[in-house]
Each structure stands twice: as C-alpha cells, then as structure tokens.
Protein backbone atom coordinates (compact mmCIF):
# COMPACT_ATOMS: atom_id res chain seq x y z
CA UNK A 1 -47.44 60.66 31.51
CA UNK A 2 -50.78 59.17 30.51
CA UNK A 3 -49.89 59.74 26.83
CA UNK A 4 -46.85 57.45 27.03
CA UNK A 5 -46.45 53.69 26.78
CA UNK A 6 -44.22 52.18 29.44
CA UNK A 7 -42.08 49.11 29.92
CA UNK A 8 -42.11 47.33 33.22
CA UNK A 9 -39.53 44.65 33.97
CA UNK A 10 -41.26 41.85 35.80
CA UNK A 11 -38.30 39.50 36.01
CA UNK A 12 -34.67 38.88 35.10
CA UNK A 13 -33.69 35.40 33.94
CA UNK A 14 -30.34 33.82 33.16
CA UNK A 15 -30.08 32.91 29.51
CA UNK A 16 -27.34 30.98 27.67
CA UNK A 17 -28.00 32.60 24.31
CA UNK A 18 -29.20 36.18 24.83
CA UNK A 19 -26.91 38.95 26.06
CA UNK A 20 -27.56 40.65 29.37
CA UNK A 21 -30.25 43.33 28.99
CA UNK A 22 -31.97 41.69 26.04
CA UNK A 23 -35.75 41.26 26.29
CA UNK A 24 -36.62 37.58 26.46
CA UNK A 25 -40.42 37.82 26.37
CA UNK A 26 -43.28 40.33 26.63
CA UNK A 27 -46.79 40.12 28.04
CA UNK A 28 -48.65 41.76 25.14
CA UNK A 29 -47.90 40.18 21.79
CA UNK A 30 -46.60 42.01 18.75
CA UNK A 31 -49.42 43.76 16.84
CA UNK A 32 -51.50 44.52 19.92
CA UNK A 33 -52.96 48.08 19.84
CA UNK A 34 -51.90 50.11 22.87
CA UNK A 35 -53.19 53.40 24.25
CA UNK A 36 -51.55 56.07 26.29
CA UNK A 37 -50.65 54.93 29.77
CA UNK A 38 -50.51 51.20 28.88
CA UNK A 39 -47.68 49.19 30.38
CA UNK A 40 -45.83 46.49 28.49
CA UNK A 41 -44.50 43.96 30.94
CA UNK A 42 -41.26 42.20 29.92
CA UNK A 43 -38.76 39.62 31.10
CA UNK A 44 -35.11 40.59 30.57
CA UNK A 45 -32.03 38.43 30.17
CA UNK A 46 -29.58 38.53 33.05
CA UNK A 47 -26.93 36.97 30.80
CA UNK A 48 -25.01 33.86 31.71
CA UNK A 49 -25.50 32.38 35.12
CA UNK A 50 -22.58 33.06 37.50
CA UNK A 51 -20.59 30.10 38.75
CA UNK A 52 -18.02 29.67 41.49
CA UNK A 53 -14.68 28.17 40.47
CA UNK A 54 -13.89 25.14 42.67
CA UNK A 55 -10.55 24.33 44.29
CA UNK A 56 -8.70 22.01 41.92
CA UNK A 57 -5.04 22.01 42.93
CA UNK A 58 -3.86 18.72 44.40
CA UNK A 59 -6.73 16.56 43.15
CA UNK A 60 -6.71 14.16 40.21
CA UNK A 61 -7.33 15.27 36.65
CA UNK A 62 -10.51 13.16 36.52
CA UNK A 63 -11.91 14.71 39.70
CA UNK A 64 -11.02 18.22 38.51
CA UNK A 65 -12.82 17.67 35.21
CA UNK A 66 -15.89 16.35 37.05
CA UNK A 67 -16.02 19.38 39.35
CA UNK A 68 -15.73 21.83 36.47
CA UNK A 69 -18.40 20.00 34.46
CA UNK A 70 -20.73 20.06 37.47
CA UNK A 71 -20.31 23.84 37.56
CA UNK A 72 -20.89 23.97 33.80
CA UNK A 73 -17.45 25.46 33.25
CA UNK A 74 -15.20 24.58 30.30
CA UNK A 75 -11.95 22.75 31.04
CA UNK A 76 -8.68 23.07 29.15
CA UNK A 77 -5.99 20.57 30.14
CA UNK A 78 -2.29 21.30 29.81
CA UNK A 79 0.10 18.43 30.45
CA UNK A 80 3.20 19.51 32.38
CA UNK A 81 6.20 17.24 32.87
CA UNK A 82 7.20 17.19 36.52
CA UNK A 83 8.69 14.01 37.95
CA UNK A 84 8.87 15.43 41.47
CA UNK A 85 5.09 15.59 41.89
CA UNK A 86 2.47 12.85 41.86
CA UNK A 87 1.52 11.91 38.33
CA UNK A 88 -2.00 12.89 37.28
CA UNK A 89 -2.65 15.56 39.91
CA UNK A 90 -3.51 19.17 39.16
CA UNK A 91 -0.54 21.47 39.73
CA UNK A 92 -2.22 24.80 39.01
CA UNK A 93 -5.42 26.40 37.72
CA UNK A 94 -5.85 29.53 35.62
CA UNK A 95 -8.66 31.03 37.75
CA UNK A 96 -8.39 30.95 41.52
CA UNK A 97 -10.81 28.92 43.61
CA UNK A 98 -13.76 30.97 44.85
CA UNK A 99 -13.77 33.36 41.89
CA UNK A 100 -17.22 34.04 40.41
CA UNK A 101 -17.29 33.73 36.63
CA UNK A 102 -19.88 33.33 33.90
CA UNK A 103 -21.18 29.90 33.07
CA UNK A 104 -19.09 28.20 30.33
CA UNK A 105 -15.95 30.18 31.23
CA UNK A 106 -12.78 28.24 30.37
CA UNK A 107 -10.61 27.16 33.26
CA UNK A 108 -7.17 25.81 32.34
CA UNK A 109 -5.48 23.27 34.56
CA UNK A 110 -1.89 22.03 34.51
CA UNK A 111 -1.75 18.28 35.09
CA UNK A 112 1.44 16.54 36.21
CA UNK A 113 2.96 13.92 33.92
CA UNK A 114 6.04 11.72 34.22
CA UNK A 115 6.17 11.28 30.45
CA UNK A 116 8.47 12.72 27.77
CA UNK A 117 8.01 15.92 25.80
CA UNK A 118 8.28 14.98 22.12
CA UNK A 119 11.04 16.98 20.40
CA UNK A 120 10.83 18.48 16.91
CA UNK A 121 12.21 16.04 14.32
CA UNK A 122 11.08 17.92 11.21
CA UNK A 123 14.02 19.07 9.12
CA UNK A 124 16.42 16.48 10.56
CA UNK A 125 17.98 13.62 8.68
CA UNK A 126 16.91 10.13 9.73
CA UNK A 127 20.27 9.57 11.44
CA UNK A 128 19.99 12.83 13.40
CA UNK A 129 16.42 11.98 14.39
CA UNK A 130 17.56 8.57 15.68
CA UNK A 131 20.17 10.25 17.84
CA UNK A 132 17.75 12.82 19.24
CA UNK A 133 15.12 10.17 19.90
CA UNK A 134 17.61 7.99 21.74
CA UNK A 135 18.66 10.92 23.93
CA UNK A 136 14.98 11.53 24.77
CA UNK A 137 14.14 7.89 25.52
CA UNK A 138 12.04 7.49 22.39
CA UNK A 139 12.12 5.35 19.24
CA UNK A 140 11.80 6.28 15.57
CA UNK A 141 9.86 4.50 12.83
CA UNK A 142 10.51 5.96 9.38
CA UNK A 143 8.67 5.71 6.08
CA UNK A 144 10.04 7.25 2.92
CA UNK A 145 7.96 9.53 0.73
CA UNK A 146 8.54 10.98 -2.71
CA UNK A 147 9.51 14.63 -2.75
CA UNK A 148 12.15 16.08 -0.47
CA UNK A 149 15.80 16.47 0.29
CA UNK A 150 16.39 13.50 2.56
CA UNK A 151 15.10 15.18 5.70
CA UNK A 152 12.00 14.52 7.79
CA UNK A 153 8.97 16.49 6.63
CA UNK A 154 6.36 15.34 9.17
CA UNK A 155 6.03 13.44 12.42
CA UNK A 156 3.38 11.86 14.62
CA UNK A 157 2.85 12.57 17.50
CA UNK A 158 3.67 16.20 16.89
CA UNK A 159 6.25 18.32 18.64
CA UNK A 160 5.53 19.04 22.33
CA UNK A 161 3.12 16.13 22.68
CA UNK A 162 3.69 14.21 25.90
CA UNK A 163 4.21 10.47 25.52
CA UNK A 164 5.46 7.56 27.62
CA UNK A 165 9.12 6.65 27.67
CA UNK A 166 9.98 4.24 24.86
CA UNK A 167 7.13 5.45 22.64
CA UNK A 168 7.56 5.21 18.87
CA UNK A 169 7.50 8.41 16.84
CA UNK A 170 6.47 7.91 13.21
CA UNK A 171 8.34 10.14 10.79
CA UNK A 172 8.19 10.62 7.03
CA UNK A 173 11.48 11.17 5.25
CA UNK A 174 11.30 13.03 1.94
CA UNK A 175 13.32 11.48 -0.87
CA UNK A 176 14.70 12.94 -4.07
CA UNK A 177 13.71 11.35 -7.39
CA UNK A 178 16.96 9.41 -7.55
CA UNK A 179 16.55 8.09 -4.00
CA UNK A 180 12.93 7.13 -4.64
CA UNK A 181 13.89 5.42 -7.89
CA UNK A 182 16.66 3.43 -6.20
CA UNK A 183 14.31 2.15 -3.50
CA UNK A 184 11.60 1.41 -6.05
CA UNK A 185 13.91 -0.69 -8.23
CA UNK A 186 15.25 -2.46 -5.12
CA UNK A 187 11.68 -3.34 -4.11
CA UNK A 188 10.86 -4.66 -7.59
CA UNK A 189 14.01 -6.77 -7.55
CA UNK A 190 13.08 -8.17 -4.14
CA UNK A 191 9.84 -9.42 -5.68
CA UNK A 192 11.75 -10.91 -8.60
CA UNK A 193 14.27 -12.67 -6.33
CA UNK A 194 11.40 -14.16 -4.38
CA UNK A 195 10.09 -15.54 -7.67
CA UNK A 196 13.50 -17.01 -8.52
CA UNK A 197 14.24 -14.46 -11.25
CA UNK A 198 17.35 -12.40 -11.80
CA UNK A 199 17.42 -8.73 -10.94
CA UNK A 200 16.88 -5.91 -13.41
CA UNK A 201 18.62 -2.55 -13.69
CA UNK A 202 17.77 0.94 -14.90
CA UNK A 203 18.29 2.06 -18.47
CA UNK A 204 18.66 5.73 -19.37
CA UNK A 205 16.80 5.22 -22.67
CA UNK A 206 13.85 3.62 -20.96
CA UNK A 207 13.89 6.18 -18.15
CA UNK A 208 13.58 8.90 -20.77
CA UNK A 209 10.66 7.04 -22.29
CA UNK A 210 9.06 6.58 -18.89
CA UNK A 211 9.31 10.32 -18.25
CA UNK A 212 7.49 10.99 -21.51
CA UNK A 213 4.84 8.48 -20.52
CA UNK A 214 4.38 10.20 -17.14
CA UNK A 215 4.13 13.59 -18.81
CA UNK A 216 1.42 12.31 -21.18
CA UNK A 217 -0.96 11.89 -18.25
CA UNK A 218 -2.17 8.55 -19.60
CA UNK A 219 -1.82 4.96 -18.54
CA UNK A 220 -0.52 2.58 -21.16
CA UNK A 221 -4.00 1.09 -21.55
CA UNK A 222 -5.46 4.52 -22.27
CA UNK A 223 -2.65 5.33 -24.65
CA UNK A 224 -3.25 2.11 -26.59
CA UNK A 225 -7.01 2.64 -26.61
CA UNK A 226 -6.58 6.15 -27.97
CA UNK A 227 -4.35 4.89 -30.74
CA UNK A 228 -1.29 6.84 -29.70
CA UNK A 229 1.87 5.99 -31.59
CA UNK A 230 4.48 4.97 -29.03
CA UNK A 231 7.23 4.42 -31.60
CA UNK A 232 8.81 7.75 -30.71
CA UNK A 233 9.23 6.50 -27.16
CA UNK A 234 10.54 3.01 -27.64
CA UNK A 235 13.41 1.30 -29.41
CA UNK A 236 11.86 -0.22 -32.50
CA UNK A 237 13.77 -3.49 -32.16
CA UNK A 238 12.36 -4.47 -28.80
CA UNK A 239 9.12 -5.87 -27.62
CA UNK A 240 7.71 -4.02 -24.65
CA UNK A 241 5.22 -3.86 -21.82
CA UNK A 242 4.07 -0.71 -20.12
CA UNK A 243 2.68 0.19 -16.77
CA UNK A 244 2.16 3.74 -15.57
CA UNK A 245 0.80 5.07 -12.31
CA UNK A 246 -1.86 7.70 -12.27
CA UNK A 247 -0.85 10.22 -9.61
CA UNK A 248 -0.80 10.78 -5.89
CA UNK A 249 1.97 8.25 -5.32
CA UNK A 250 3.86 9.18 -2.17
CA UNK A 251 5.65 6.11 -0.82
CA UNK A 252 7.54 3.22 -2.36
CA UNK A 253 5.15 0.78 -0.67
CA UNK A 254 2.20 2.63 -2.21
CA UNK A 255 3.79 2.38 -5.65
CA UNK A 256 4.64 -1.29 -5.23
CA UNK A 257 1.08 -2.04 -4.11
CA UNK A 258 -0.24 -0.65 -7.41
CA UNK A 259 2.10 -2.60 -9.69
CA UNK A 260 0.40 -5.68 -11.19
CA UNK A 261 2.99 -8.24 -10.08
CA UNK A 262 0.59 -11.02 -10.94
CA UNK A 263 0.91 -10.10 -14.62
CA UNK A 264 3.56 -11.54 -16.89
CA UNK A 265 5.17 -8.14 -17.33
CA UNK A 266 6.90 -7.67 -14.00
CA UNK A 267 7.55 -11.30 -13.21
CA UNK A 268 8.83 -12.35 -16.60
CA UNK A 269 12.22 -14.00 -16.98
CA UNK A 270 12.85 -11.99 -20.17
CA UNK A 271 12.45 -8.64 -18.41
CA UNK A 272 15.83 -6.95 -18.73
CA UNK A 273 15.59 -3.19 -18.27
CA UNK A 274 13.39 -0.74 -16.44
CA UNK A 275 12.74 2.99 -16.74
CA UNK A 276 11.20 5.25 -14.09
CA UNK A 277 9.84 8.67 -15.02
CA UNK A 278 8.34 11.59 -13.14
CA UNK A 279 5.99 14.43 -13.95
CA UNK A 280 4.75 16.47 -11.00
CA UNK A 281 3.25 14.00 -8.55
CA UNK A 282 2.89 11.35 -11.24
CA UNK A 283 5.31 8.45 -11.53
CA UNK A 284 5.48 5.93 -14.35
CA UNK A 285 7.34 2.67 -14.77
CA UNK A 286 8.25 1.39 -18.23
CA UNK A 287 9.70 -2.05 -18.79
CA UNK A 288 11.14 -3.94 -21.73
CA UNK A 289 10.99 -7.64 -22.50
CA UNK A 290 13.52 -8.95 -24.97
C-alpha cells in the first residue's frame, strides 16, 4: 500500500455548478511531486442543495412566489379560470408540500382567475371574429395588412391568454391586392377631400405602369437620376409625377404615412388618374397630372 497515492475526502459541499461527485478543490496543487503513500486530500461536490417544497395551496399568488423564492426554487405560474374560487389564490401545485427536491427545481402553481380565456381568431373573417369576441365578452380592434385572403393572420394577446372581460383583442386582417388598392385609393381621396379637391380613380394603363415601376426596384428619383427612359411606361401625351415606395409596406396607414402629401403631386387639382402596382412586398403609386 505504501507504493500507492491515495485520495481522502475531507468534506462534501453543495455546489450550484458542479455535479455531485465532482472534485471541487484539492490540498496539494497540480504539479506537486508525490511519493508512495502520500494522501491527496480533496473536497467533493454534493450537488445541488436539497430544499423542502412549502405548502402553497390556498394562499395568494404573491405569497406563493415569495415562499418559493425564499427556498430558491423556480416558480412557473399557470392561470386557471375558475369563478367559483377566490381570485388570485393557488388552486394546486405540481410538487406536494414537504417533498425534498434539488435547489432551483421548478414548481408549477395553478392560480385562480375570474378573467376570460382568449379564443383563437386566426383564420376567421373580421365579421366572424366580431361574433366570437362578443360571445366571449371581448372586443376586436382590426388593422388591415397587405397580403392575405381577407382572414385574420395574427392576434394580440395570443390564443389562451387570460384577460379581463371587455378587453380589446388586436387583430391583423390580410388583404388581397385589390382590397389593399381600394383602401389605399380611398385614403388618398380622403386627403384630397379634406383639401377641397375632387376625388381620383384608378386607371388600368397607369396601374400597369405602376407595376412596372414596382418591379424595377427603383424610386422615381433614382430612375430619373440613372437616366432611365420612362417613355415605355407612360402615355406620351401626358405630363406626369411619380412616387414609388421602397418595400416592407404592410398596412394602408403605413403606405399613406410615406406618401409626400405636402408635395404638389398628390394634392394637385389637375391630378386625374392613379395607378397602383405590386412586386413582391413592394408597392408603387404612379399618378398623372393633365
């Protein structure tokens, strides 16, 4: 036995980072020359410190969280709708009181709520969403986005969230190109009416030109700067003004906010026709002034 080198465990210590059985420290440093019969004394990790799960059922959510944090346990809160129990109290816990678990173990608690479970509105039409919201005691606020088939493509708060009665659910309704165009022209005309000008309407010729402009990937300013000949796009016997969006347009309001209404182009009494074109997520508007 004198020819061997031996380990002697002097102590076990709880450690948050090292697994149970891992050596935490040693008496003789690395590189020390040992001879037969020498003993290397070490301290070994005992793993995570054990904790006792407290009794949580029947107390408030806030008190339950405090107790778990004091025990250095992780809390996961599930909201459960139950109008027969007191709101805000803990209805159940995932690990029974008195159980011994490792430090940082997650304990889930179900907390009573008198709120409303948000239904899934995605895929519904706006009218169907209004009906479902009304049945659930909720309200709907819709915004319209480019790209879709007239149904809701997202909502906030999300499905299964718990909210108060009467809460407003924000939904985004996807529009086809024709629907988006109709709302866009209506918004432009609203601006013109406010300025005391007559309304404008779409022209198929100018819509075709606007589509070509969108597909070019350039704004009108860039096209002019680069010396591009626009004669193939436009009727030769008309004067014209251009404006094209870049990309990333999603809502009518977003598009309207990027149109230079303070320029003469969009608030000009001579403005008579308008074309709207699409290319991927890029939308362009092309106008003519007689």
